[in-house]
């Protein structure tokens, strides 16, 4: 259990003890659900988001805006953006970020598939929505350079979270907040 992301030793122990207390049929049902999910869920052939179908619901949806593609690092980012109910376009999941320290280069990502997709579909805009870490910045700049010959490339604004205090923000966050400022409505 501790190998799961975000699960420390105490949480792992609590989960394991909880599972051991449950009826055997319930534990078997959980195990089978995990096996079924692993077998049935794959990647969308278009955007590389998680999907139980060859093409995901978002890519199949005729009501989605085909003129924008939002590029994210992984499917968790798609889920987070979809929760806002603001973005109506399509997505492309890179499958990570460039991280030489972890042995992840551009060839391990779906970057070339994105370039092919953008060159063929000619969207009006590609929005880079990758977290502003060193690896995220490297990935954003690399992908942006690949896509600039084909379309307009933008990035989401970064800044202070709601309820955040200026005095506790780091310099990079403050710079991004200033760069992403906009006129009051």
Protein backbone atom coordinates (compact mmCIF):
# COMPACT_ATOMS: atom_id res chain seq x y z
CA UNK A 1 0.00 0.00 0.00
CA UNK A 2 2.88 2.34 0.75
CA UNK A 3 3.97 2.14 -2.89
CA UNK A 4 0.83 4.05 -3.90
CA UNK A 5 1.42 7.77 -4.48
CA UNK A 6 0.64 9.92 -1.46
CA UNK A 7 0.34 6.96 0.90
CA UNK A 8 2.78 7.06 3.78
CA UNK A 9 3.57 4.28 6.26
CA UNK A 10 0.74 5.14 8.67
CA UNK A 11 -1.88 5.44 5.95
CA UNK A 12 -0.66 2.19 4.37
CA UNK A 13 -0.98 0.40 7.68
CA UNK A 14 -4.46 1.85 8.27
CA UNK A 15 -5.61 0.77 4.78
CA UNK A 16 -4.13 -2.72 5.14
CA UNK A 17 -5.77 -3.23 8.52
CA UNK A 18 -9.09 -1.98 7.17
CA UNK A 19 -8.93 -4.42 4.25
CA UNK A 20 -8.09 -7.30 6.58
CA UNK A 21 -11.21 -6.53 8.66
CA UNK A 22 -13.56 -6.54 5.65
CA UNK A 23 -15.46 -9.67 4.56
CA UNK A 24 -13.54 -11.88 2.12
CA UNK A 25 -16.10 -11.34 -0.66
CA UNK A 26 -15.66 -7.58 -0.40
CA UNK A 27 -11.87 -7.88 -0.59
CA UNK A 28 -12.16 -10.20 -3.60
CA UNK A 29 -14.52 -7.73 -5.30
CA UNK A 30 -12.00 -4.92 -4.72
CA UNK A 31 -9.15 -7.04 -6.09
CA UNK A 32 -11.21 -8.00 -9.14
CA UNK A 33 -12.21 -4.38 -9.75
CA UNK A 34 -8.52 -3.41 -9.75
CA UNK A 35 -7.64 -6.24 -12.16
CA UNK A 36 -10.55 -5.33 -14.45
CA UNK A 37 -9.57 -1.65 -14.47
CA UNK A 38 -5.98 -2.51 -15.33
CA UNK A 39 -7.13 -4.74 -18.21
CA UNK A 40 -9.87 -2.47 -19.58
CA UNK A 41 -8.46 1.02 -19.26
CA UNK A 42 -5.92 2.13 -21.81
CA UNK A 43 -5.01 5.31 -23.62
CA UNK A 44 -7.10 7.20 -26.16
CA UNK A 45 -5.61 6.80 -29.64
CA UNK A 46 -6.09 10.54 -30.29
CA UNK A 47 -5.19 12.43 -27.09
CA UNK A 48 -3.62 9.73 -24.87
CA UNK A 49 -6.04 10.38 -21.98
CA UNK A 50 -7.19 7.33 -20.03
CA UNK A 51 -10.07 5.58 -21.74
CA UNK A 52 -11.86 2.25 -21.79
CA UNK A 53 -12.60 2.83 -25.49
CA UNK A 54 -10.12 3.29 -28.37
CA UNK A 55 -11.14 6.99 -28.50
CA UNK A 56 -12.11 8.76 -25.26
CA UNK A 57 -15.41 10.53 -24.55
CA UNK A 58 -13.84 13.98 -24.89
CA UNK A 59 -12.38 13.27 -28.34
CA UNK A 60 -15.64 11.68 -29.51
CA UNK A 61 -17.80 14.57 -28.25
CA UNK A 62 -18.98 16.61 -31.28
CA UNK A 63 -19.79 19.56 -29.00
CA UNK A 64 -16.14 20.07 -28.02
CA UNK A 65 -14.22 22.92 -29.66
CA UNK A 66 -11.85 21.50 -32.29
CA UNK A 67 -9.97 24.79 -32.65
CA UNK A 68 -8.04 24.47 -29.36
CA UNK A 69 -5.90 21.71 -27.88
CA UNK A 70 -4.81 21.91 -24.26
CA UNK A 71 -1.51 20.09 -23.64
CA UNK A 72 -1.10 18.55 -20.17
CA UNK A 73 1.43 16.26 -18.51
CA UNK A 74 -0.97 13.49 -17.49
CA UNK A 75 -4.60 12.43 -17.16
CA UNK A 76 -4.89 13.89 -13.65
CA UNK A 77 -4.50 17.30 -15.26
CA UNK A 78 -7.36 16.60 -17.70
CA UNK A 79 -9.57 15.59 -14.78
CA UNK A 80 -8.65 18.76 -12.85
CA UNK A 81 -9.36 21.02 -15.83
CA UNK A 82 -12.64 19.25 -16.60
CA UNK A 83 -13.81 19.89 -13.02
CA UNK A 84 -13.73 23.64 -13.76
CA UNK A 85 -16.28 23.21 -16.58
CA UNK A 86 -14.62 26.20 -18.30
CA UNK A 87 -12.47 24.63 -21.00
CA UNK A 88 -14.48 23.32 -23.97
CA UNK A 89 -11.71 22.23 -26.34
CA UNK A 90 -9.72 19.05 -26.81
CA UNK A 91 -6.69 17.76 -24.92
CA UNK A 92 -3.36 16.09 -25.50
CA UNK A 93 -1.67 14.15 -22.68
CA UNK A 94 2.11 14.03 -22.93
CA UNK A 95 2.53 11.20 -20.43
CA UNK A 96 4.93 13.14 -18.22
CA UNK A 97 7.49 15.93 -18.45
CA UNK A 98 11.06 16.05 -19.71
CA UNK A 99 13.27 15.06 -16.78
CA UNK A 100 16.83 13.99 -17.63
CA UNK A 101 17.48 13.14 -13.96
CA UNK A 102 14.70 10.54 -14.20
CA UNK A 103 15.74 9.36 -17.65
CA UNK A 104 12.71 10.93 -19.35
CA UNK A 105 13.46 12.66 -22.61
CA UNK A 106 11.14 13.94 -25.35
CA UNK A 107 11.11 10.50 -26.97
CA UNK A 108 9.38 9.01 -23.90
CA UNK A 109 6.53 11.52 -24.25
CA UNK A 110 3.79 11.75 -26.88
CA UNK A 111 5.37 14.92 -28.31
CA UNK A 112 5.77 13.63 -31.88
CA UNK A 113 2.15 12.43 -31.93
CA UNK A 114 1.14 15.95 -30.83
CA UNK A 115 3.18 17.57 -33.60
CA UNK A 116 1.57 15.24 -36.19
CA UNK A 117 -1.89 15.96 -34.77
CA UNK A 118 -1.40 19.74 -34.80
CA UNK A 119 0.12 19.75 -38.30
CA UNK A 120 -2.82 17.70 -39.63
CA UNK A 121 -5.72 19.29 -37.71
CA UNK A 122 -4.40 22.89 -37.77
CA UNK A 123 -6.07 24.09 -34.53
CA UNK A 124 -6.16 27.86 -33.99
CA UNK A 125 -4.44 27.56 -30.60
CA UNK A 126 -2.52 25.10 -28.47
CA UNK A 127 -2.62 25.90 -24.76
CA UNK A 128 0.31 24.65 -22.69
CA UNK A 129 -1.03 23.70 -19.23
CA UNK A 130 1.98 22.12 -17.58
CA UNK A 131 2.97 22.80 -13.96
CA UNK A 132 5.68 25.47 -13.59
CA UNK A 133 8.46 23.27 -12.21
CA UNK A 134 11.91 23.24 -13.81
CA UNK A 135 10.91 20.09 -15.72
CA UNK A 136 7.54 21.58 -16.62
CA UNK A 137 9.14 24.77 -17.95
CA UNK A 138 11.62 22.75 -20.01
CA UNK A 139 8.79 20.67 -21.45
CA UNK A 140 6.65 23.74 -22.18
CA UNK A 141 9.48 25.49 -24.01
CA UNK A 142 10.43 22.36 -25.97
CA UNK A 143 6.87 21.56 -27.08
CA UNK A 144 6.17 25.22 -27.80
CA UNK A 145 9.11 25.41 -30.20
CA UNK A 146 7.95 22.27 -32.01
CA UNK A 147 4.42 23.65 -32.46
CA UNK A 148 5.10 27.31 -33.33
CA UNK A 149 5.46 26.62 -37.08
CA UNK A 150 1.91 25.23 -37.15
CA UNK A 151 -0.25 27.32 -34.82
CA UNK A 152 -0.45 29.89 -32.03
CA UNK A 153 0.97 28.51 -28.77
CA UNK A 154 -0.09 29.98 -25.42
CA UNK A 155 0.36 28.97 -21.80
CA UNK A 156 -1.97 29.16 -18.85
CA UNK A 157 -1.30 31.93 -16.35
CA UNK A 158 0.28 31.08 -13.03
CA UNK A 159 0.06 33.05 -9.86
CA UNK A 160 -1.22 33.12 -6.34
CA UNK A 161 -3.87 30.71 -5.13
CA UNK A 162 -7.10 32.09 -3.72
CA UNK A 163 -6.51 32.75 -0.04
CA UNK A 164 -2.72 32.86 -0.50
CA UNK A 165 -0.62 35.58 1.13
CA UNK A 166 1.94 37.56 -0.87
CA UNK A 167 4.50 37.38 1.91
CA UNK A 168 4.61 33.56 1.70
CA UNK A 169 4.83 33.31 -2.09
CA UNK A 170 8.16 32.51 -3.73
CA UNK A 171 9.72 34.86 -6.28
CA UNK A 172 8.87 32.75 -9.33
CA UNK A 173 5.20 32.60 -8.34
CA UNK A 174 5.12 36.38 -7.83
CA UNK A 175 6.76 36.97 -11.22
CA UNK A 176 4.21 34.68 -12.90
CA UNK A 177 1.38 36.45 -11.08
CA UNK A 178 2.62 39.82 -12.36
CA UNK A 179 3.09 38.51 -15.91
CA UNK A 180 -0.39 36.96 -15.96
CA UNK A 181 -2.19 40.06 -14.71
CA UNK A 182 -5.26 41.34 -16.54
CA UNK A 183 -7.57 44.31 -16.45
CA UNK A 184 -10.36 44.37 -13.88
CA UNK A 185 -13.78 43.63 -15.36
